[in-house]
């Protein structure tokens, strides 16, 4: 962060697991790199390490998330309340949200196509859209890949949680098909 500060950048984009993201954010705020520069991070920012380690730092950090617990959708609010009550945790990570959605999608495919591998495969291929846990419709490509809207959220250090900025749903930004050429 000392080198980043010397560069006088406008923004810092970082990918990693939450311990490294938390450390970078705290160090960046201590060195006054942030909030002068905008800090952008990925989905691991919803892990317990972030919540336990960020303290009063991180204000305004923007995270790109597949699942956002503090979404104002009845379905999401109910899941979050049930999850926190059942686990005793204080955070619903993106992994918990994605695992829940994956399981719901699998059960939906089994209802429509049966429980055989072939039946599930065909039912998943027929899935055109699916409301995810954040209350947003996810559309699917011909290769059964989700065009997953991404929650852009800003960290509110006073409330110790993310606040939704917007769900990015522009197909030009969330469509995985342009990346197919790199799969071979």
N, C-alpha and C. Protein backbone atom coordinates (compact mmCIF):
# COMPACT_ATOMS: atom_id res chain seq x y z
N UNK A 1 0.81 -1.19 0.00
CA UNK A 1 0.00 0.00 0.00
C UNK A 1 0.86 1.26 0.00
N UNK A 2 2.06 1.15 0.53
CA UNK A 2 2.98 2.30 0.50
C UNK A 2 3.30 2.66 -0.95
N UNK A 3 3.54 1.64 -1.78
CA UNK A 3 3.82 1.88 -3.20
C UNK A 3 2.59 2.43 -3.92
N UNK A 4 1.42 1.90 -3.58
CA UNK A 4 0.17 2.39 -4.19
C UNK A 4 -0.04 3.86 -3.83
N UNK A 5 0.19 4.19 -2.56
CA UNK A 5 0.03 5.58 -2.12
C UNK A 5 0.95 6.51 -2.91
N UNK A 6 2.18 6.08 -3.14
CA UNK A 6 3.15 6.91 -3.86
C UNK A 6 2.71 7.15 -5.32
N UNK A 7 1.93 6.24 -5.87
CA UNK A 7 1.45 6.38 -7.25
C UNK A 7 0.31 7.39 -7.37
N UNK A 8 -0.39 7.66 -6.27
CA UNK A 8 -1.49 8.62 -6.31
C UNK A 8 -2.65 8.16 -7.18
N UNK A 9 -2.98 6.90 -7.14
CA UNK A 9 -4.03 6.34 -7.99
C UNK A 9 -5.42 6.81 -7.57
N UNK A 10 -6.36 6.72 -8.52
CA UNK A 10 -7.76 7.07 -8.24
C UNK A 10 -8.54 5.89 -7.68
N UNK A 11 -8.10 4.69 -8.00
CA UNK A 11 -8.81 3.51 -7.53
C UNK A 11 -7.87 2.32 -7.43
N UNK A 12 -8.28 1.37 -6.60
CA UNK A 12 -7.54 0.12 -6.43
C UNK A 12 -8.56 -1.01 -6.56
N UNK A 13 -8.27 -1.95 -7.43
CA UNK A 13 -9.12 -3.12 -7.62
C UNK A 13 -8.34 -4.32 -7.12
N UNK A 14 -8.95 -5.09 -6.22
CA UNK A 14 -8.23 -6.22 -5.63
C UNK A 14 -9.13 -7.44 -5.58
N UNK A 15 -8.55 -8.56 -5.91
CA UNK A 15 -9.22 -9.85 -5.79
C UNK A 15 -8.44 -10.66 -4.77
N UNK A 16 -9.14 -11.49 -4.04
CA UNK A 16 -8.47 -12.32 -3.05
C UNK A 16 -9.47 -12.86 -2.05
N UNK A 17 -8.96 -13.54 -1.05
CA UNK A 17 -9.81 -14.05 0.02
C UNK A 17 -9.94 -12.98 1.09
N UNK A 18 -10.98 -13.10 1.92
CA UNK A 18 -11.30 -12.00 2.83
C UNK A 18 -10.18 -11.61 3.79
N UNK A 19 -9.32 -12.52 4.29
CA UNK A 19 -8.24 -12.02 5.16
C UNK A 19 -7.32 -11.03 4.44
N UNK A 20 -6.98 -11.32 3.19
CA UNK A 20 -6.09 -10.40 2.46
C UNK A 20 -6.83 -9.12 2.09
N UNK A 21 -8.12 -9.22 1.75
CA UNK A 21 -8.89 -8.01 1.43
C UNK A 21 -9.02 -7.12 2.66
N UNK A 22 -9.28 -7.74 3.80
CA UNK A 22 -9.42 -7.00 5.05
C UNK A 22 -8.11 -6.31 5.41
N UNK A 23 -7.02 -7.03 5.30
CA UNK A 23 -5.71 -6.47 5.61
C UNK A 23 -5.39 -5.30 4.69
N UNK A 24 -5.65 -5.47 3.40
CA UNK A 24 -5.37 -4.39 2.44
C UNK A 24 -6.23 -3.17 2.71
N UNK A 25 -7.51 -3.38 3.04
CA UNK A 25 -8.39 -2.26 3.32
C UNK A 25 -7.93 -1.51 4.57
N UNK A 26 -7.65 -2.24 5.63
CA UNK A 26 -7.20 -1.58 6.88
C UNK A 26 -5.90 -0.81 6.65
N UNK A 27 -4.96 -1.45 5.99
CA UNK A 27 -3.68 -0.79 5.73
C UNK A 27 -3.88 0.44 4.85
N UNK A 28 -4.71 0.29 3.81
CA UNK A 28 -4.99 1.42 2.91
C UNK A 28 -5.63 2.60 3.63
N UNK A 29 -6.52 2.32 4.57
CA UNK A 29 -7.13 3.40 5.33
C UNK A 29 -6.15 4.01 6.32
N UNK A 30 -5.34 3.18 6.94
CA UNK A 30 -4.34 3.70 7.88
C UNK A 30 -3.33 4.60 7.17
N UNK A 31 -2.97 4.25 5.94
CA UNK A 31 -2.01 5.04 5.16
C UNK A 31 -2.68 6.17 4.36
N UNK A 32 -3.99 6.29 4.52
CA UNK A 32 -4.78 7.32 3.84
C UNK A 32 -4.79 7.19 2.32
N UNK A 33 -4.59 5.96 1.84
CA UNK A 33 -4.80 5.69 0.41
C UNK A 33 -6.31 5.76 0.15
N UNK A 34 -7.06 5.14 1.05
CA UNK A 34 -8.52 5.18 0.99
C UNK A 34 -9.00 6.13 2.08
N UNK A 35 -10.03 6.85 1.91
CA UNK A 35 -10.98 6.85 0.81
C UNK A 35 -10.62 7.79 -0.35
N UNK A 36 -9.42 8.39 -0.34
CA UNK A 36 -9.04 9.23 -1.48
C UNK A 36 -9.15 8.44 -2.78
N UNK A 37 -8.64 7.23 -2.77
CA UNK A 37 -8.80 6.31 -3.90
C UNK A 37 -9.97 5.37 -3.58
N UNK A 38 -10.75 5.04 -4.57
CA UNK A 38 -11.86 4.10 -4.37
C UNK A 38 -11.31 2.68 -4.33
N UNK A 39 -11.76 1.89 -3.36
CA UNK A 39 -11.32 0.50 -3.22
C UNK A 39 -12.43 -0.40 -3.73
N UNK A 40 -12.11 -1.28 -4.70
CA UNK A 40 -13.06 -2.24 -5.28
C UNK A 40 -12.58 -3.65 -4.96
N UNK A 41 -13.48 -4.49 -4.50
CA UNK A 41 -13.12 -5.87 -4.16
C UNK A 41 -14.20 -6.83 -4.63
N UNK A 42 -13.92 -8.13 -4.48
CA UNK A 42 -14.83 -9.15 -4.95
C UNK A 42 -15.64 -9.80 -3.84
N UNK A 43 -16.21 -10.93 -4.17
CA UNK A 43 -17.22 -11.57 -3.34
C UNK A 43 -16.72 -12.08 -2.00
N UNK A 44 -15.45 -12.31 -1.83
CA UNK A 44 -14.97 -12.79 -0.54
C UNK A 44 -15.12 -11.75 0.57
N UNK A 45 -15.53 -10.57 0.20
CA UNK A 45 -15.75 -9.51 1.18
C UNK A 45 -16.97 -9.78 2.05
N UNK A 46 -17.69 -10.83 1.80
CA UNK A 46 -18.84 -11.16 2.66
C UNK A 46 -18.50 -12.26 3.65
N UNK A 47 -17.25 -12.58 3.78
CA UNK A 47 -16.84 -13.62 4.73
C UNK A 47 -16.65 -13.04 6.12
N UNK A 48 -16.72 -13.89 7.11
CA UNK A 48 -16.65 -13.47 8.50
C UNK A 48 -15.35 -12.74 8.83
N UNK A 49 -14.25 -13.06 8.14
CA UNK A 49 -12.98 -12.36 8.38
C UNK A 49 -13.11 -10.86 8.12
N UNK A 50 -13.85 -10.51 7.08
CA UNK A 50 -14.06 -9.09 6.77
C UNK A 50 -14.82 -8.43 7.93
N UNK A 51 -15.93 -9.03 8.32
CA UNK A 51 -16.77 -8.44 9.36
C UNK A 51 -16.04 -8.35 10.70
N UNK A 52 -15.26 -9.36 11.03
CA UNK A 52 -14.53 -9.35 12.30
C UNK A 52 -13.29 -8.47 12.26
N UNK A 53 -12.71 -8.27 11.09
CA UNK A 53 -11.43 -7.58 11.02
C UNK A 53 -11.44 -6.16 10.53
N UNK A 54 -12.51 -5.72 9.89
CA UNK A 54 -12.47 -4.41 9.25
C UNK A 54 -12.67 -3.26 10.24
N UNK A 55 -13.39 -3.51 11.32
CA UNK A 55 -13.57 -2.46 12.33
C UNK A 55 -14.18 -1.21 11.75
N UNK A 56 -13.59 -0.07 12.06
CA UNK A 56 -14.13 1.20 11.58
C UNK A 56 -13.61 1.57 10.19
N UNK A 57 -12.78 0.71 9.61
CA UNK A 57 -12.21 0.96 8.29
C UNK A 57 -13.13 0.44 7.19
N UNK A 58 -12.78 0.72 5.97
CA UNK A 58 -13.49 0.16 4.83
C UNK A 58 -14.63 1.00 4.30
N UNK A 59 -14.94 2.12 4.93
CA UNK A 59 -16.07 2.93 4.52
C UNK A 59 -16.03 3.21 3.01
N UNK A 60 -17.13 2.89 2.33
CA UNK A 60 -17.25 3.17 0.91
C UNK A 60 -16.62 2.15 -0.01
N UNK A 61 -15.99 1.11 0.55
CA UNK A 61 -15.44 0.05 -0.30
C UNK A 61 -16.57 -0.54 -1.13
N UNK A 62 -16.34 -0.69 -2.42
CA UNK A 62 -17.35 -1.26 -3.31
C UNK A 62 -17.00 -2.72 -3.57
N UNK A 63 -17.98 -3.58 -3.34
CA UNK A 63 -17.81 -5.02 -3.57
C UNK A 63 -18.75 -5.48 -4.66
N UNK A 64 -18.27 -6.39 -5.50
CA UNK A 64 -19.09 -7.05 -6.51
C UNK A 64 -19.46 -8.42 -5.96
N UNK A 65 -20.74 -8.62 -5.70
CA UNK A 65 -21.20 -9.80 -4.96
C UNK A 65 -22.24 -10.60 -5.74
N UNK A 66 -22.16 -11.94 -5.63
CA UNK A 66 -23.17 -12.79 -6.25
C UNK A 66 -24.43 -12.85 -5.41
N UNK A 67 -24.30 -12.61 -4.13
CA UNK A 67 -25.42 -12.64 -3.20
C UNK A 67 -25.22 -11.55 -2.17
N UNK A 68 -26.28 -10.82 -1.88
CA UNK A 68 -26.21 -9.75 -0.90
C UNK A 68 -27.29 -9.97 0.15
N UNK A 69 -26.87 -10.28 1.38
CA UNK A 69 -27.83 -10.58 2.45
C UNK A 69 -28.76 -9.42 2.77
N UNK A 70 -28.26 -8.17 2.92
CA UNK A 70 -29.20 -7.10 3.25
C UNK A 70 -29.94 -6.55 2.03
N UNK A 71 -30.57 -7.44 1.27
CA UNK A 71 -31.40 -7.05 0.14
C UNK A 71 -32.83 -6.97 0.64
N UNK A 72 -33.54 -5.95 0.23
CA UNK A 72 -34.89 -5.75 0.73
C UNK A 72 -35.89 -6.55 -0.12
N UNK A 73 -35.80 -7.85 -0.04
CA UNK A 73 -36.75 -8.74 -0.72
C UNK A 73 -37.26 -9.71 0.34
N UNK A 74 -38.57 -9.95 0.42
CA UNK A 74 -39.11 -10.82 1.48
C UNK A 74 -38.45 -12.20 1.52
N UNK A 75 -38.20 -12.78 0.37
CA UNK A 75 -37.58 -14.10 0.28
C UNK A 75 -36.19 -14.07 0.91
N UNK A 76 -35.42 -13.03 0.60
CA UNK A 76 -34.07 -12.88 1.14
C UNK A 76 -34.11 -12.66 2.64
N UNK A 77 -34.96 -11.74 3.07
CA UNK A 77 -35.05 -11.44 4.51
C UNK A 77 -35.39 -12.69 5.31
N UNK A 78 -36.32 -13.53 4.79
CA UNK A 78 -36.70 -14.75 5.51
C UNK A 78 -35.53 -15.73 5.58
N UNK A 79 -34.82 -15.92 4.46
CA UNK A 79 -33.67 -16.82 4.46
C UNK A 79 -32.61 -16.34 5.46
N UNK A 80 -32.29 -15.05 5.41
CA UNK A 80 -31.26 -14.51 6.30
C UNK A 80 -31.66 -14.73 7.76
N UNK A 81 -32.90 -14.43 8.11
CA UNK A 81 -33.36 -14.61 9.50
C UNK A 81 -33.27 -16.08 9.90
N UNK A 82 -33.73 -16.97 9.03
CA UNK A 82 -33.69 -18.41 9.33
C UNK A 82 -32.25 -18.90 9.46
N UNK A 83 -31.39 -18.47 8.55
CA UNK A 83 -29.98 -18.90 8.56
C UNK A 83 -29.28 -18.45 9.83
N UNK A 84 -29.42 -17.18 10.16
CA UNK A 84 -28.75 -16.65 11.34
C UNK A 84 -29.27 -17.31 12.61
N UNK A 85 -30.57 -17.55 12.66
CA UNK A 85 -31.17 -18.22 13.81
C UNK A 85 -30.67 -19.66 13.93
N UNK A 86 -30.59 -20.36 12.82
CA UNK A 86 -30.19 -21.78 12.84
C UNK A 86 -28.70 -21.96 13.12
N UNK A 87 -27.88 -21.03 12.62
CA UNK A 87 -26.43 -21.21 12.74
C UNK A 87 -25.81 -20.44 13.90
N UNK A 88 -26.48 -19.41 14.37
CA UNK A 88 -25.90 -18.57 15.41
C UNK A 88 -24.82 -17.64 14.88
N UNK A 89 -24.61 -17.64 13.59
CA UNK A 89 -23.62 -16.76 12.96
C UNK A 89 -24.16 -15.34 12.91
N UNK A 90 -23.27 -14.39 12.63
CA UNK A 90 -23.73 -13.01 12.46
C UNK A 90 -23.69 -12.57 11.00
N UNK A 91 -23.21 -13.46 10.12
CA UNK A 91 -23.05 -13.13 8.71
C UNK A 91 -23.54 -14.30 7.86
N UNK A 92 -24.22 -13.97 6.76
CA UNK A 92 -24.55 -14.97 5.74
C UNK A 92 -23.59 -14.73 4.59
N UNK A 93 -22.66 -15.64 4.40
CA UNK A 93 -21.65 -15.47 3.35
C UNK A 93 -22.26 -15.71 1.97
N UNK A 94 -21.53 -15.28 0.96
CA UNK A 94 -22.00 -15.52 -0.40
C UNK A 94 -22.04 -17.02 -0.71
N UNK A 95 -21.14 -17.80 -0.09
CA UNK A 95 -21.17 -19.25 -0.31
C UNK A 95 -22.48 -19.86 0.18
N UNK A 96 -22.97 -19.40 1.33
CA UNK A 96 -24.24 -19.91 1.86
C UNK A 96 -25.37 -19.57 0.90
N UNK A 97 -25.39 -18.35 0.41
CA UNK A 97 -26.43 -17.93 -0.52
C UNK A 97 -26.37 -18.69 -1.83
N UNK A 98 -25.18 -18.87 -2.38
CA UNK A 98 -25.03 -19.59 -3.63
C UNK A 98 -25.36 -21.08 -3.47
N UNK A 99 -24.97 -21.66 -2.35
CA UNK A 99 -25.29 -23.08 -2.09
C UNK A 99 -26.80 -23.26 -1.99
N UNK A 100 -27.46 -22.34 -1.32
CA UNK A 100 -28.91 -22.41 -1.20
C UNK A 100 -29.58 -22.30 -2.57
N UNK A 101 -29.14 -21.34 -3.37
CA UNK A 101 -29.70 -21.19 -4.73
C UNK A 101 -29.43 -22.42 -5.58
N UNK A 102 -28.24 -22.98 -5.50
CA UNK A 102 -27.90 -24.18 -6.28
C UNK A 102 -28.81 -25.35 -5.90
N UNK A 103 -29.05 -25.49 -4.62
CA UNK A 103 -29.92 -26.57 -4.15
C UNK A 103 -31.35 -26.36 -4.61
N UNK A 104 -31.83 -25.12 -4.52
CA UNK A 104 -33.19 -24.81 -5.00
C UNK A 104 -33.31 -25.10 -6.50
N UNK A 105 -32.30 -24.72 -7.26
CA UNK A 105 -32.32 -24.95 -8.70
C UNK A 105 -32.32 -26.44 -9.01
N UNK A 106 -31.52 -27.22 -8.29
CA UNK A 106 -31.48 -28.66 -8.48
C UNK A 106 -32.84 -29.29 -8.17
N UNK A 107 -33.45 -28.92 -7.05
CA UNK A 107 -34.76 -29.48 -6.69
C UNK A 107 -35.82 -29.09 -7.71
N UNK A 108 -35.75 -27.87 -8.22
CA UNK A 108 -36.68 -27.44 -9.26
C UNK A 108 -36.51 -28.29 -10.52
N UNK A 109 -35.26 -28.53 -10.91
CA UNK A 109 -35.01 -29.37 -12.09
C UNK A 109 -35.49 -30.80 -11.86
N UNK A 110 -35.32 -31.31 -10.66
CA UNK A 110 -35.78 -32.67 -10.35
C UNK A 110 -37.30 -32.77 -10.41
N UNK A 111 -37.99 -31.74 -9.98
CA UNK A 111 -39.46 -31.72 -10.07
C UNK A 111 -39.91 -31.75 -11.52
N UNK A 112 -39.20 -31.02 -12.37
CA UNK A 112 -39.60 -30.92 -13.77
C UNK A 112 -39.09 -32.07 -14.62
N UNK A 113 -37.90 -32.61 -14.30
CA UNK A 113 -37.29 -33.60 -15.18
C UNK A 113 -37.07 -34.97 -14.57
N UNK A 114 -37.41 -35.12 -13.29
CA UNK A 114 -37.16 -36.40 -12.63
C UNK A 114 -35.79 -36.41 -11.98
N UNK A 115 -35.49 -37.53 -11.33
CA UNK A 115 -34.27 -37.59 -10.52
C UNK A 115 -33.09 -38.27 -11.21
N UNK A 116 -33.25 -38.65 -12.47
CA UNK A 116 -32.11 -39.23 -13.19
C UNK A 116 -31.18 -38.13 -13.67
N UNK A 117 -29.93 -38.49 -13.91
CA UNK A 117 -28.97 -37.51 -14.41
C UNK A 117 -29.46 -36.90 -15.72
N UNK A 118 -30.00 -37.72 -16.60
CA UNK A 118 -30.49 -37.24 -17.89
C UNK A 118 -31.68 -36.30 -17.71
N UNK A 119 -32.59 -36.67 -16.82
CA UNK A 119 -33.76 -35.82 -16.56
C UNK A 119 -33.36 -34.47 -15.99
N UNK A 120 -32.43 -34.49 -15.06
CA UNK A 120 -31.96 -33.24 -14.46
C UNK A 120 -31.25 -32.38 -15.51
N UNK A 121 -30.40 -33.02 -16.31
CA UNK A 121 -29.66 -32.31 -17.37
C UNK A 121 -30.62 -31.60 -18.32
N UNK A 122 -31.64 -32.30 -18.76
CA UNK A 122 -32.59 -31.70 -19.70
C UNK A 122 -33.41 -30.60 -19.05
N UNK A 123 -33.84 -30.82 -17.82
CA UNK A 123 -34.61 -29.79 -17.12
C UNK A 123 -33.78 -28.53 -16.90
N UNK A 124 -32.51 -28.69 -16.54
CA UNK A 124 -31.64 -27.52 -16.38
C UNK A 124 -31.49 -26.78 -17.71
N UNK A 125 -31.39 -27.54 -18.81
CA UNK A 125 -31.29 -26.93 -20.13
C UNK A 125 -32.54 -26.17 -20.53
N UNK A 126 -33.67 -26.55 -19.98
CA UNK A 126 -34.93 -25.86 -20.26
C UNK A 126 -35.17 -24.68 -19.33
N UNK A 127 -34.34 -24.52 -18.33
CA UNK A 127 -34.50 -23.40 -17.39
C UNK A 127 -34.14 -22.11 -18.11
N UNK A 128 -35.10 -21.23 -18.19
CA UNK A 128 -34.87 -19.95 -18.87
C UNK A 128 -34.57 -18.83 -17.88
N UNK A 129 -35.18 -18.92 -16.70
CA UNK A 129 -34.89 -17.93 -15.67
C UNK A 129 -35.20 -18.54 -14.31
N UNK A 130 -34.61 -17.94 -13.29
CA UNK A 130 -34.73 -18.44 -11.93
C UNK A 130 -34.52 -17.27 -10.99
N UNK A 131 -35.43 -17.08 -10.04
CA UNK A 131 -35.27 -15.99 -9.08
C UNK A 131 -34.26 -16.43 -8.02
N UNK A 132 -33.15 -15.70 -7.92
CA UNK A 132 -32.14 -16.08 -6.94
C UNK A 132 -32.49 -15.54 -5.56
N UNK A 133 -31.66 -15.88 -4.61
CA UNK A 133 -31.91 -15.51 -3.23
C UNK A 133 -31.92 -14.00 -3.00
N UNK A 134 -31.28 -13.26 -3.86
CA UNK A 134 -31.31 -11.80 -3.74
C UNK A 134 -32.58 -11.21 -4.34
N UNK A 135 -33.47 -12.08 -4.86
CA UNK A 135 -34.73 -11.61 -5.44
C UNK A 135 -34.58 -11.07 -6.84
N UNK A 136 -33.55 -11.54 -7.57
CA UNK A 136 -33.29 -11.07 -8.92
C UNK A 136 -33.39 -12.25 -9.88
N UNK A 137 -33.99 -12.03 -11.05
CA UNK A 137 -34.11 -13.08 -12.05
C UNK A 137 -32.75 -13.36 -12.69
N UNK A 138 -32.37 -14.63 -12.71
CA UNK A 138 -31.15 -15.08 -13.36
C UNK A 138 -31.56 -15.80 -14.64
N UNK A 139 -31.03 -15.37 -15.76
CA UNK A 139 -31.29 -16.04 -17.04
C UNK A 139 -30.13 -16.98 -17.33
N UNK A 140 -30.36 -17.95 -18.22
CA UNK A 140 -29.34 -18.95 -18.52
C UNK A 140 -29.04 -18.99 -20.01
N UNK A 141 -27.78 -19.31 -20.33
CA UNK A 141 -27.35 -19.44 -21.72
C UNK A 141 -27.69 -20.85 -22.21
N UNK A 142 -27.44 -21.07 -23.49
CA UNK A 142 -27.68 -22.39 -24.09
C UNK A 142 -26.78 -23.46 -23.50
N UNK A 143 -25.69 -23.07 -22.85
CA UNK A 143 -24.79 -24.02 -22.21
C UNK A 143 -25.08 -24.16 -20.71
N UNK A 144 -26.26 -23.70 -20.30
CA UNK A 144 -26.71 -23.82 -18.90
C UNK A 144 -25.88 -22.99 -17.93
N UNK A 145 -25.28 -21.94 -18.42
CA UNK A 145 -24.52 -21.05 -17.55
C UNK A 145 -25.37 -19.85 -17.18
N UNK A 146 -25.29 -19.42 -15.93
CA UNK A 146 -26.12 -18.28 -15.52
C UNK A 146 -25.57 -16.95 -16.02
N UNK A 147 -26.49 -16.10 -16.39
CA UNK A 147 -26.17 -14.70 -16.63
C UNK A 147 -26.56 -14.01 -15.32
N UNK A 148 -25.67 -14.11 -14.36
CA UNK A 148 -25.94 -13.75 -12.98
C UNK A 148 -25.81 -12.25 -12.74
N UNK A 149 -26.92 -11.58 -12.40
CA UNK A 149 -26.80 -10.17 -12.02
C UNK A 149 -25.89 -10.05 -10.80
N UNK A 150 -25.03 -9.07 -10.82
CA UNK A 150 -24.06 -8.87 -9.74
C UNK A 150 -24.51 -7.70 -8.88
N UNK A 151 -24.53 -7.94 -7.57
CA UNK A 151 -24.86 -6.87 -6.64
C UNK A 151 -23.63 -6.02 -6.41
N UNK A 152 -23.72 -4.76 -6.72
CA UNK A 152 -22.66 -3.82 -6.38
C UNK A 152 -23.10 -3.17 -5.07
N UNK A 153 -22.26 -3.30 -4.05
CA UNK A 153 -22.63 -2.84 -2.72
C UNK A 153 -21.50 -2.03 -2.11
N UNK A 154 -21.86 -1.08 -1.28
CA UNK A 154 -20.91 -0.20 -0.62
C UNK A 154 -20.88 -0.51 0.87
N UNK A 155 -19.65 -0.65 1.41
CA UNK A 155 -19.51 -0.97 2.82
C UNK A 155 -19.83 0.25 3.67
N UNK A 156 -20.72 0.06 4.63
CA UNK A 156 -21.07 1.10 5.60
C UNK A 156 -20.44 0.70 6.92
N UNK A 157 -19.33 1.34 7.27
CA UNK A 157 -18.61 0.94 8.48
C UNK A 157 -19.40 1.23 9.75
N UNK A 158 -20.26 2.24 9.74
CA UNK A 158 -21.04 2.52 10.95
C UNK A 158 -22.06 1.42 11.22
N UNK A 159 -22.66 0.87 10.17
CA UNK A 159 -23.63 -0.21 10.33
C UNK A 159 -23.01 -1.59 10.23
N UNK A 160 -21.72 -1.64 9.87
CA UNK A 160 -20.99 -2.90 9.70
C UNK A 160 -21.73 -3.85 8.74
N UNK A 161 -22.16 -3.29 7.60
CA UNK A 161 -22.79 -4.11 6.57
C UNK A 161 -22.70 -3.41 5.21
N UNK A 162 -22.99 -4.18 4.17
CA UNK A 162 -23.02 -3.65 2.82
C UNK A 162 -24.40 -3.08 2.53
N UNK A 163 -24.41 -2.01 1.74
CA UNK A 163 -25.66 -1.43 1.28
C UNK A 163 -25.68 -1.53 -0.24
N UNK A 164 -26.79 -2.00 -0.75
CA UNK A 164 -26.92 -2.17 -2.20
C UNK A 164 -26.80 -0.83 -2.91
N UNK A 165 -25.91 -0.79 -3.90
CA UNK A 165 -25.82 0.36 -4.79
C UNK A 165 -26.72 0.08 -5.98
N UNK A 166 -26.55 -1.10 -6.59
CA UNK A 166 -27.41 -1.53 -7.69
C UNK A 166 -27.09 -2.97 -8.06
N UNK A 167 -28.04 -3.61 -8.71
CA UNK A 167 -27.78 -4.90 -9.33
C UNK A 167 -27.39 -4.63 -10.77
N UNK A 168 -26.20 -5.07 -11.16
CA UNK A 168 -25.75 -4.91 -12.54
C UNK A 168 -26.36 -6.03 -13.36
N UNK A 169 -27.24 -5.68 -14.28
CA UNK A 169 -27.96 -6.68 -15.08
C UNK A 169 -27.72 -6.51 -16.57
N UNK A 170 -26.84 -5.61 -16.97
CA UNK A 170 -26.57 -5.38 -18.38
C UNK A 170 -25.98 -6.66 -18.98
N UNK A 171 -26.68 -7.27 -19.97
CA UNK A 171 -26.17 -8.51 -20.58
C UNK A 171 -24.76 -8.38 -21.13
N UNK A 172 -24.38 -7.19 -21.57
CA UNK A 172 -23.02 -7.00 -22.10
C UNK A 172 -21.96 -7.18 -21.01
N UNK A 173 -22.35 -7.04 -19.76
CA UNK A 173 -21.40 -7.15 -18.65
C UNK A 173 -21.47 -8.50 -17.93
N UNK A 174 -22.63 -9.17 -17.97
CA UNK A 174 -22.77 -10.40 -17.19
C UNK A 174 -22.88 -11.66 -18.04
N UNK A 175 -22.92 -11.53 -19.34
CA UNK A 175 -23.05 -12.69 -20.23
C UNK A 175 -21.70 -13.42 -20.33
N UNK A 176 -21.66 -14.71 -19.95
CA UNK A 176 -20.38 -15.44 -20.00
C UNK A 176 -19.96 -15.87 -21.40
N UNK A 177 -20.84 -15.80 -22.40
CA UNK A 177 -20.54 -16.34 -23.72
C UNK A 177 -19.33 -15.72 -24.41
N UNK A 178 -19.05 -14.43 -24.27
CA UNK A 178 -17.82 -13.92 -24.90
C UNK A 178 -16.55 -14.61 -24.40
N UNK A 179 -16.61 -15.21 -23.22
CA UNK A 179 -15.45 -15.89 -22.66
C UNK A 179 -15.31 -17.33 -23.15
N UNK A 180 -16.32 -17.83 -23.87
CA UNK A 180 -16.29 -19.22 -24.35
C UNK A 180 -15.04 -19.52 -25.16
N UNK A 181 -14.58 -18.54 -25.92
CA UNK A 181 -13.41 -18.76 -26.79
C UNK A 181 -12.15 -19.12 -25.98
N UNK A 182 -12.15 -18.79 -24.69
CA UNK A 182 -11.00 -19.10 -23.85
C UNK A 182 -11.12 -20.46 -23.17
N UNK A 183 -12.24 -21.14 -23.34
CA UNK A 183 -12.48 -22.42 -22.66
C UNK A 183 -11.69 -23.57 -23.27
N UNK A 184 -11.28 -23.45 -24.51
CA UNK A 184 -10.57 -24.55 -25.15
C UNK A 184 -9.16 -24.52 -24.72
